[in-house]
Protein backbone atom coordinates (compact mmCIF):
# COMPACT_ATOMS: atom_id res chain seq x y z
CA MET A 1 -110.24 35.88 -92.65
CA ASN A 2 -111.74 33.63 -89.84
CA VAL A 3 -108.70 31.20 -87.94
CA LEU A 4 -109.82 27.93 -86.36
CA LEU A 5 -107.54 26.90 -84.01
CA LEU A 6 -107.94 23.20 -81.97
CA LEU A 7 -105.93 22.82 -78.74
CA ALA A 8 -106.28 19.07 -77.55
CA GLY A 9 -104.37 17.68 -73.95
CA CYS A 10 -103.78 14.58 -72.71
CA ALA A 11 -103.20 13.44 -69.14
CA GLY A 12 -102.23 10.53 -66.74
CA THR A 13 -101.18 7.73 -67.72
CA PRO A 14 -101.51 6.31 -71.53
CA VAL A 15 -102.99 2.57 -71.62
CA GLN A 16 -103.28 0.67 -75.10
CA PRO A 17 -106.60 0.87 -76.78
CA ALA A 18 -109.11 -1.40 -76.86
CA ALA A 19 -109.74 -3.24 -80.14
CA GLU A 20 -114.08 -3.04 -80.03
CA PRO A 21 -115.72 0.02 -78.14
CA VAL A 22 -115.03 -0.74 -73.99
CA PRO A 23 -118.78 0.25 -72.89
CA PRO A 24 -119.00 2.74 -69.78
CA PRO A 25 -118.43 1.19 -66.49
CA VAL A 26 -121.55 -0.43 -64.25
CA VAL A 27 -122.34 0.92 -61.33
CA ALA A 28 -123.84 -2.03 -58.86
CA THR A 29 -126.21 0.57 -56.52
CA GLU A 30 -127.22 -1.26 -53.23
CA GLY A 31 -130.16 0.74 -53.21
CA ALA A 32 -131.66 3.14 -50.58
CA VAL A 33 -132.25 0.60 -47.48
CA PRO A 34 -134.95 2.11 -44.90
CA THR A 35 -133.10 2.23 -41.32
CA ASP A 36 -133.53 3.43 -37.96
CA GLN A 37 -130.09 5.42 -37.70
CA THR A 38 -129.56 8.67 -38.90
CA THR A 39 -126.29 10.44 -39.99
CA PRO A 40 -125.81 14.35 -38.66
CA THR A 41 -125.59 16.96 -41.75
CA LEU A 42 -125.45 20.45 -42.18
CA LEU A 43 -129.51 20.29 -42.44
CA GLY A 44 -129.65 18.07 -39.26
CA ASP A 45 -129.91 14.88 -38.92
CA VAL A 46 -131.44 12.63 -42.07
CA GLN A 47 -132.75 9.64 -40.48
CA GLY A 48 -132.22 6.64 -43.19
CA ILE A 49 -128.54 7.17 -43.80
CA SER A 50 -126.43 4.78 -42.70
CA ILE A 51 -122.60 5.21 -43.50
CA GLU A 52 -121.56 1.70 -43.57
CA GLY A 53 -121.27 0.14 -46.92
CA ASN A 54 -119.59 0.61 -50.59
CA TRP A 55 -120.47 3.90 -52.22
CA THR A 56 -119.18 4.87 -55.33
CA SER A 57 -117.90 8.50 -57.31
CA ALA A 58 -117.64 9.18 -60.76
CA ALA A 59 -114.66 11.49 -61.90
CA CYS A 60 -114.83 14.54 -60.38
CA GLY A 61 -112.88 17.80 -59.58
CA GLY A 62 -109.37 16.63 -59.45
CA ARG A 63 -109.66 13.43 -60.37
CA SER A 64 -110.28 12.07 -63.86
CA TYR A 65 -111.19 8.71 -62.43
CA ALA A 66 -114.38 7.06 -60.60
CA ARG A 67 -114.12 5.59 -56.82
CA ASN A 68 -115.58 2.65 -54.51
CA ILE A 69 -115.43 3.88 -50.67
CA ARG A 70 -116.26 1.17 -48.41
CA PHE A 71 -117.07 2.63 -44.20
CA GLU A 72 -117.32 -0.26 -42.00
CA SER A 73 -118.82 -0.13 -38.54
CA HIS A 74 -115.53 -0.84 -36.77
CA GLN A 75 -114.44 3.07 -37.49
CA HIS A 76 -112.27 1.66 -40.45
CA TYR A 77 -112.43 2.78 -44.60
CA ALA A 78 -110.84 1.76 -47.87
CA ALA A 79 -111.10 3.23 -50.98
CA VAL A 80 -110.18 1.84 -54.93
CA ASP A 81 -109.26 4.04 -57.73
CA MET A 82 -109.76 2.89 -60.96
CA VAL A 83 -107.06 5.67 -61.97
CA SER A 84 -106.51 3.96 -65.66
CA PRO A 85 -108.10 -0.44 -65.79
CA CYS A 86 -106.78 -2.21 -68.04
CA PRO A 87 -109.24 -2.03 -71.31
CA VAL A 88 -111.26 -5.37 -72.44
CA GLY A 89 -108.56 -6.95 -74.31
CA ALA A 90 -105.39 -5.34 -74.10
CA THR A 91 -102.50 -6.89 -72.38
CA CYS A 92 -101.36 -4.49 -68.99
CA VAL A 93 -98.24 -4.21 -66.61
CA TRP A 94 -100.30 -2.93 -64.40
CA SER A 95 -104.06 -2.69 -63.35
CA GLY A 96 -104.59 0.61 -63.05
CA LEU A 97 -106.44 0.08 -59.68
CA THR A 98 -104.89 1.77 -56.99
CA ALA A 99 -106.25 1.20 -52.89
CA PHE A 100 -105.94 3.40 -49.89
CA ALA A 101 -107.69 2.62 -46.41
CA GLY A 102 -107.73 4.42 -43.01
CA LEU A 103 -109.40 5.14 -40.23
CA TRP A 104 -112.66 7.42 -39.86
CA GLU A 105 -114.62 9.40 -37.45
CA LEU A 106 -117.38 11.99 -36.57
CA GLN A 107 -116.56 14.95 -36.13
CA GLY A 108 -119.32 17.04 -35.30
CA LYS A 109 -121.96 17.30 -38.54
CA LYS A 110 -118.58 15.65 -40.93
CA LEU A 111 -117.13 12.72 -41.53
CA ARG A 112 -113.57 12.68 -41.54
CA VAL A 113 -110.98 10.39 -42.59
CA GLN A 114 -107.90 9.49 -41.98
CA GLU A 115 -105.47 7.80 -44.49
CA VAL A 116 -103.08 5.17 -42.37
CA GLY A 117 -99.79 4.58 -44.18
CA VAL A 118 -97.53 6.39 -46.67
CA PRO A 119 -99.63 7.07 -49.83
CA ASP A 120 -97.12 5.48 -52.61
CA THR A 121 -99.39 4.78 -55.35
CA PRO A 122 -100.78 6.67 -58.20
CA GLY A 123 -103.85 9.06 -57.31
CA GLY A 124 -105.76 11.73 -55.45
CA PRO A 125 -107.22 14.15 -54.11
CA ARG A 126 -107.31 11.92 -51.44
CA PRO A 127 -110.70 12.39 -49.14
CA VAL A 128 -110.03 14.39 -45.50
CA PHE A 129 -113.77 15.61 -45.08
CA PHE A 130 -117.49 13.93 -46.55
CA GLU A 131 -120.97 15.25 -45.88
CA ALA A 132 -124.50 13.04 -45.48
CA THR A 133 -126.88 15.52 -48.05
CA ALA A 134 -130.60 15.19 -47.15
CA ASP A 135 -131.09 13.15 -50.81
CA GLY A 136 -128.89 10.03 -48.98
CA LYS A 137 -125.63 10.95 -50.68
CA LEU A 138 -122.77 11.58 -49.28
CA VAL A 139 -120.51 14.78 -50.72
CA GLU A 140 -116.54 15.06 -50.40
CA ASN A 141 -115.11 18.04 -51.99
CA GLY A 142 -117.69 19.32 -54.39
CA CYS A 143 -117.65 14.84 -55.46
CA PHE A 144 -121.18 13.57 -54.79
CA TYR A 145 -120.68 9.74 -53.61
CA GLU A 146 -123.81 7.18 -53.52
CA LYS A 147 -124.76 3.87 -52.42
CA GLY A 148 -122.63 0.81 -54.86
CA LEU A 149 -119.87 0.09 -56.58
CA THR A 150 -118.10 1.46 -60.04
CA VAL A 151 -117.04 -1.76 -61.95
CA PRO A 152 -115.28 -1.03 -65.19
CA PRO A 153 -115.67 -3.25 -67.88
CA GLY A 154 -113.90 -6.72 -67.60
CA TYR A 155 -113.74 -6.44 -64.23
CA SER A 156 -116.04 -7.82 -61.45
CA GLU A 157 -117.12 -6.57 -58.25
CA ALA A 158 -115.23 -8.86 -56.21
CA SER A 159 -112.17 -6.74 -57.73
CA VAL A 160 -113.00 -3.28 -57.22
CA LEU A 161 -114.82 -3.97 -54.08
CA PRO A 162 -112.55 -1.98 -51.41
CA ASP A 163 -110.13 -4.19 -48.91
CA VAL A 164 -111.28 -3.14 -45.08
CA PRO A 165 -108.35 -3.85 -42.86
CA GLY A 166 -110.06 -5.93 -39.78
CA ALA A 167 -112.88 -6.55 -41.26
């Protein structure tokens, strides 16, 4: 006798489903811009990778949602986690977007970020170190980031653009 056992699990905050199927988020890439700057990596200095600007990462590891992060030249950064965006056509009490910000610095061949303030919003784990890869990406705790922004359906780039303090 064969027995089939199915298990299902849920995590996170439930949201009201949209009336129509929701298309996947759009990644608005900034494209690779040739630069004379170099970024230190475990492979040595890599020319053409600039840390400054917008970066995005899909759900990864202990994070079940996309994250946008922006690094500014004055060593400030900000991020927006799309924990549970309100679906198109639904009415939600909370937008499902959380933000955090802080300072960054190069420490050897790694980019270290330090969040400023007390995290009082859902989401996590928050980043601590980034490394640049030879192919122009950043990696943090096994999660890859590429230049650009993730924009959920029904949202604008402006609504998911990290607001960097002092910018």
